[in-house]
Amino acid sequence: QVQVVESGGGLVQAGGSLRLSCAASTSIFRFYDMGWYRQAPGKERQLVAWVTSGGTTNYVDSVKGRFTISRDNTKNTMYLQMNSLKPEDTAVYYCNRLSPGTDWTKYTYWGQGTQVTVSS
């Protein structure tokens, strides 16, 4: 299991930007597909963006065009650049592996997450 530490969250006004970071504990991070997930108060956790080990990126429709996921394998770090933030983006953001063929909702390991709050 790769251990992760998320950072970069904060309070921002609608329309603003934040850059989240996900630091992984192992250099084999580079072999993993990784995802950014978020959980809003009273809602289930959702996958919002993911990047394969080869660098292919994917986004859910609600963040497409506003969020950019990237990774720097030399630093064992993944990023989420969030622009044009909306109040509905308010959530705790987590990073984790996204193992192909598995049900990520069943994952038992999660980092502490980083809180993103967008005010209107």
C-alpha atoms as a PDB file:
ATOM      1  CA  GLN A   1       0.000   0.000   0.000  1.00  0.00           C
ATOM      2  CA  VAL A   2       1.393   3.396  -0.946  1.00  0.00           C
ATOM      3  CA  GLN A   3       1.148   5.910   1.874  1.00  0.00           C
ATOM      4  CA  VAL A   4       0.124   9.414   0.832  1.00  0.00           C
ATOM      5  CA  VAL A   5       0.001  12.894   2.322  1.00  0.00           C
ATOM      6  CA  GLU A   6      -2.333  15.462   0.788  1.00  0.00           C
ATOM      7  CA  SER A   7      -1.793  19.204   1.123  1.00  0.00           C
ATOM      8  CA  GLY A   8      -2.668  22.525  -0.455  1.00  0.00           C
ATOM      9  CA  GLY A   9      -6.285  22.948   0.511  1.00  0.00           C
ATOM     10  CA  GLY A  10      -7.759  26.127   1.917  1.00  0.00           C
ATOM     11  CA  LEU A  11     -10.497  28.705   1.757  1.00  0.00           C
ATOM     12  CA  VAL A  12     -10.980  30.464  -1.565  1.00  0.00           C
ATOM     13  CA  GLN A  13     -13.670  32.584  -3.163  1.00  0.00           C
ATOM     14  CA  ALA A  14     -15.697  31.290  -6.069  1.00  0.00           C
ATOM     15  CA  GLY A  15     -13.725  31.694  -9.278  1.00  0.00           C
ATOM     16  CA  GLY A  16     -10.429  31.273  -7.484  1.00  0.00           C
ATOM     17  CA  SER A  17      -7.744  28.624  -7.782  1.00  0.00           C
ATOM     18  CA  LEU A  18      -5.930  26.125  -5.606  1.00  0.00           C
ATOM     19  CA  ARG A  19      -3.219  23.571  -6.265  1.00  0.00           C
ATOM     20  CA  LEU A  20      -3.333  20.354  -4.295  1.00  0.00           C
ATOM     21  CA  SER A  21      -0.352  18.071  -3.816  1.00  0.00           C
ATOM     22  CA  CYS A  22      -0.172  14.378  -3.028  1.00  0.00           C
ATOM     23  CA  ALA A  23       3.175  13.117  -1.775  1.00  0.00           C
ATOM     24  CA  ALA A  24       3.664   9.368  -1.970  1.00  0.00           C
ATOM     25  CA  SER A  25       5.939   7.381   0.301  1.00  0.00           C
ATOM     26  CA  THR A  26       7.494   5.139  -2.289  1.00  0.00           C
ATOM     27  CA  SER A  27       9.247   5.482  -5.615  1.00  0.00           C
ATOM     28  CA  ILE A  28       7.148   2.657  -7.027  1.00  0.00           C
ATOM     29  CA  PHE A  29       4.451   5.345  -7.111  1.00  0.00           C
ATOM     30  CA  ARG A  30       5.492   5.794 -10.710  1.00  0.00           C
ATOM     31  CA  PHE A  31       4.029   2.405 -11.611  1.00  0.00           C
ATOM     32  CA  TYR A  32       0.605   3.198 -10.166  1.00  0.00           C
ATOM     33  CA  ASP A  33      -2.464   4.752 -11.657  1.00  0.00           C
ATOM     34  CA  MET A  34      -3.472   7.457  -9.185  1.00  0.00           C
ATOM     35  CA  GLY A  35      -6.635   9.378  -8.504  1.00  0.00           C
ATOM     36  CA  TRP A  36      -7.981  12.437  -6.742  1.00  0.00           C
ATOM     37  CA  TYR A  37     -11.172  11.851  -4.829  1.00  0.00           C
ATOM     38  CA  ARG A  38     -13.406  14.157  -2.825  1.00  0.00           C
ATOM     39  CA  GLN A  39     -16.073  13.864  -0.186  1.00  0.00           C
ATOM     40  CA  ALA A  40     -18.497  16.668   0.499  1.00  0.00           C
ATOM     41  CA  PRO A  41     -20.400  16.883   3.794  1.00  0.00           C
ATOM     42  CA  GLY A  42     -23.207  14.346   3.856  1.00  0.00           C
ATOM     43  CA  LYS A  43     -22.241  12.864   0.510  1.00  0.00           C
ATOM     44  CA  GLU A  44     -20.383   9.802  -0.654  1.00  0.00           C
ATOM     45  CA  ARG A  45     -16.794  10.004  -1.749  1.00  0.00           C
ATOM     46  CA  GLN A  46     -16.372  10.429  -5.487  1.00  0.00           C
ATOM     47  CA  LEU A  47     -13.512  10.035  -7.913  1.00  0.00           C
ATOM     48  CA  VAL A  48     -12.946  13.315  -9.749  1.00  0.00           C
ATOM     49  CA  ALA A  49      -9.752  12.849 -11.748  1.00  0.00           C
ATOM     50  CA  TRP A  50      -7.168  10.183 -12.393  1.00  0.00           C
ATOM     51  CA  VAL A  51      -3.873   9.747 -14.161  1.00  0.00           C
ATOM     52  CA  THR A  52      -2.399   6.499 -15.377  1.00  0.00           C
ATOM     53  CA  SER A  53       1.188   5.457 -14.836  1.00  0.00           C
ATOM     54  CA  GLY A  54       1.736   6.444 -18.457  1.00  0.00           C
ATOM     55  CA  GLY A  55       0.335   9.929 -17.938  1.00  0.00           C
ATOM     56  CA  THR A  56      -3.109   9.600 -19.501  1.00  0.00           C
ATOM     57  CA  THR A  57      -5.589  11.799 -17.668  1.00  0.00           C
ATOM     58  CA  ASN A  58      -9.320  11.514 -17.127  1.00  0.00           C
ATOM     59  CA  TYR A  59     -11.912  13.715 -15.446  1.00  0.00           C
ATOM     60  CA  VAL A  60     -15.511  13.543 -14.394  1.00  0.00           C
ATOM     61  CA  ASP A  61     -17.740  15.931 -16.290  1.00  0.00           C
ATOM     62  CA  SER A  62     -18.265  18.281 -13.339  1.00  0.00           C
ATOM     63  CA  VAL A  63     -14.580  19.271 -13.225  1.00  0.00           C
ATOM     64  CA  LYS A  64     -13.584  18.850 -16.867  1.00  0.00           C
ATOM     65  CA  GLY A  65     -12.043  22.021 -18.239  1.00  0.00           C
ATOM     66  CA  ARG A  66     -11.459  23.448 -14.756  1.00  0.00           C
ATOM     67  CA  PHE A  67      -9.212  20.895 -13.031  1.00  0.00           C
ATOM     68  CA  THR A  68      -5.886  19.540 -14.270  1.00  0.00           C
ATOM     69  CA  ILE A  69      -4.278  16.442 -12.813  1.00  0.00           C
ATOM     70  CA  SER A  70      -0.576  15.839 -13.236  1.00  0.00           C
ATOM     71  CA  ARG A  71       2.243  13.843 -11.731  1.00  0.00           C
ATOM     72  CA  ASP A  72       5.983  14.229 -11.229  1.00  0.00           C
ATOM     73  CA  ASN A  73       7.431  10.769 -10.816  1.00  0.00           C
ATOM     74  CA  THR A  74      10.863  12.193  -9.952  1.00  0.00           C
ATOM     75  CA  LYS A  75       9.277  13.674  -6.826  1.00  0.00           C
ATOM     76  CA  ASN A  76       6.783  10.879  -6.120  1.00  0.00           C
ATOM     77  CA  THR A  77       4.119  13.581  -6.212  1.00  0.00           C
ATOM     78  CA  MET A  78       0.787  14.105  -7.904  1.00  0.00           C
ATOM     79  CA  TYR A  79      -0.999  17.444  -8.287  1.00  0.00           C
ATOM     80  CA  LEU A  80      -4.472  18.781  -8.879  1.00  0.00           C
ATOM     81  CA  GLN A  81      -4.669  22.296 -10.266  1.00  0.00           C
ATOM     82  CA  MET A  82      -8.167  23.588  -9.611  1.00  0.00           C
ATOM     83  CA  ASN A  83      -9.326  26.722 -11.420  1.00  0.00           C
ATOM     84  CA  SER A  84     -12.687  28.489 -11.628  1.00  0.00           C
ATOM     85  CA  LEU A  85     -13.670  26.936  -8.331  1.00  0.00           C
ATOM     86  CA  LYS A  86     -17.329  26.728  -7.423  1.00  0.00           C
ATOM     87  CA  PRO A  87     -19.026  26.375  -4.034  1.00  0.00           C
ATOM     88  CA  GLU A  88     -20.034  22.836  -5.031  1.00  0.00           C
ATOM     89  CA  ASP A  89     -16.329  21.931  -5.159  1.00  0.00           C
ATOM     90  CA  THR A  90     -16.228  22.275  -1.387  1.00  0.00           C
ATOM     91  CA  ALA A  91     -15.091  18.938   0.033  1.00  0.00           C
ATOM     92  CA  VAL A  92     -12.238  17.068   1.629  1.00  0.00           C
ATOM     93  CA  TYR A  93      -9.917  15.992  -1.170  1.00  0.00           C
ATOM     94  CA  TYR A  94      -8.002  12.721  -1.022  1.00  0.00           C
ATOM     95  CA  CYS A  95      -5.508  11.006  -3.257  1.00  0.00           C
ATOM     96  CA  ASN A  96      -5.075   7.269  -3.584  1.00  0.00           C
ATOM     97  CA  ARG A  97      -4.177   4.570  -5.986  1.00  0.00           C
ATOM     98  CA  LEU A  98      -6.690   3.586  -8.622  1.00  0.00           C
ATOM     99  CA  SER A  99      -5.984  -0.050  -9.289  1.00  0.00           C
ATOM    100  CA  PRO A 100      -7.467  -1.273 -12.570  1.00  0.00           C
ATOM    101  CA  GLY A 101     -10.294  -3.739 -12.148  1.00  0.00           C
ATOM    102  CA  THR A 102     -10.864  -2.951  -8.487  1.00  0.00           C
ATOM    103  CA  ASP A 103     -13.739  -1.250  -6.724  1.00  0.00           C
ATOM    104  CA  TRP A 104     -12.132   1.824  -5.202  1.00  0.00           C
ATOM    105  CA  THR A 105     -15.129   2.353  -2.924  1.00  0.00           C
ATOM    106  CA  LYS A 106     -13.924  -0.685  -1.020  1.00  0.00           C
ATOM    107  CA  TYR A 107     -10.459   0.731  -0.350  1.00  0.00           C
ATOM    108  CA  THR A 108      -9.683   0.769   3.357  1.00  0.00           C
ATOM    109  CA  TYR A 109      -6.604   2.997   3.318  1.00  0.00           C
ATOM    110  CA  TRP A 110      -7.048   6.748   2.939  1.00  0.00           C
ATOM    111  CA  GLY A 111      -4.815   9.624   3.874  1.00  0.00           C
ATOM    112  CA  GLN A 112      -5.949  12.475   6.062  1.00  0.00           C
ATOM    113  CA  GLY A 113      -7.151  14.505   3.091  1.00  0.00           C
ATOM    114  CA  THR A 114      -7.043  18.255   2.606  1.00  0.00           C
ATOM    115  CA  GLN A 115     -10.049  20.538   3.061  1.00  0.00           C
ATOM    116  CA  VAL A 116     -11.119  22.772   0.191  1.00  0.00           C
ATOM    117  CA  THR A 117     -13.756  25.366   0.949  1.00  0.00           C
ATOM    118  CA  VAL A 118     -15.135  27.621  -1.772  1.00  0.00           C
ATOM    119  CA  SER A 119     -17.189  30.590  -0.647  1.00  0.00           C
ATOM    120  CA  SER A 120     -19.825  32.184  -2.833  1.00  0.00           C
END
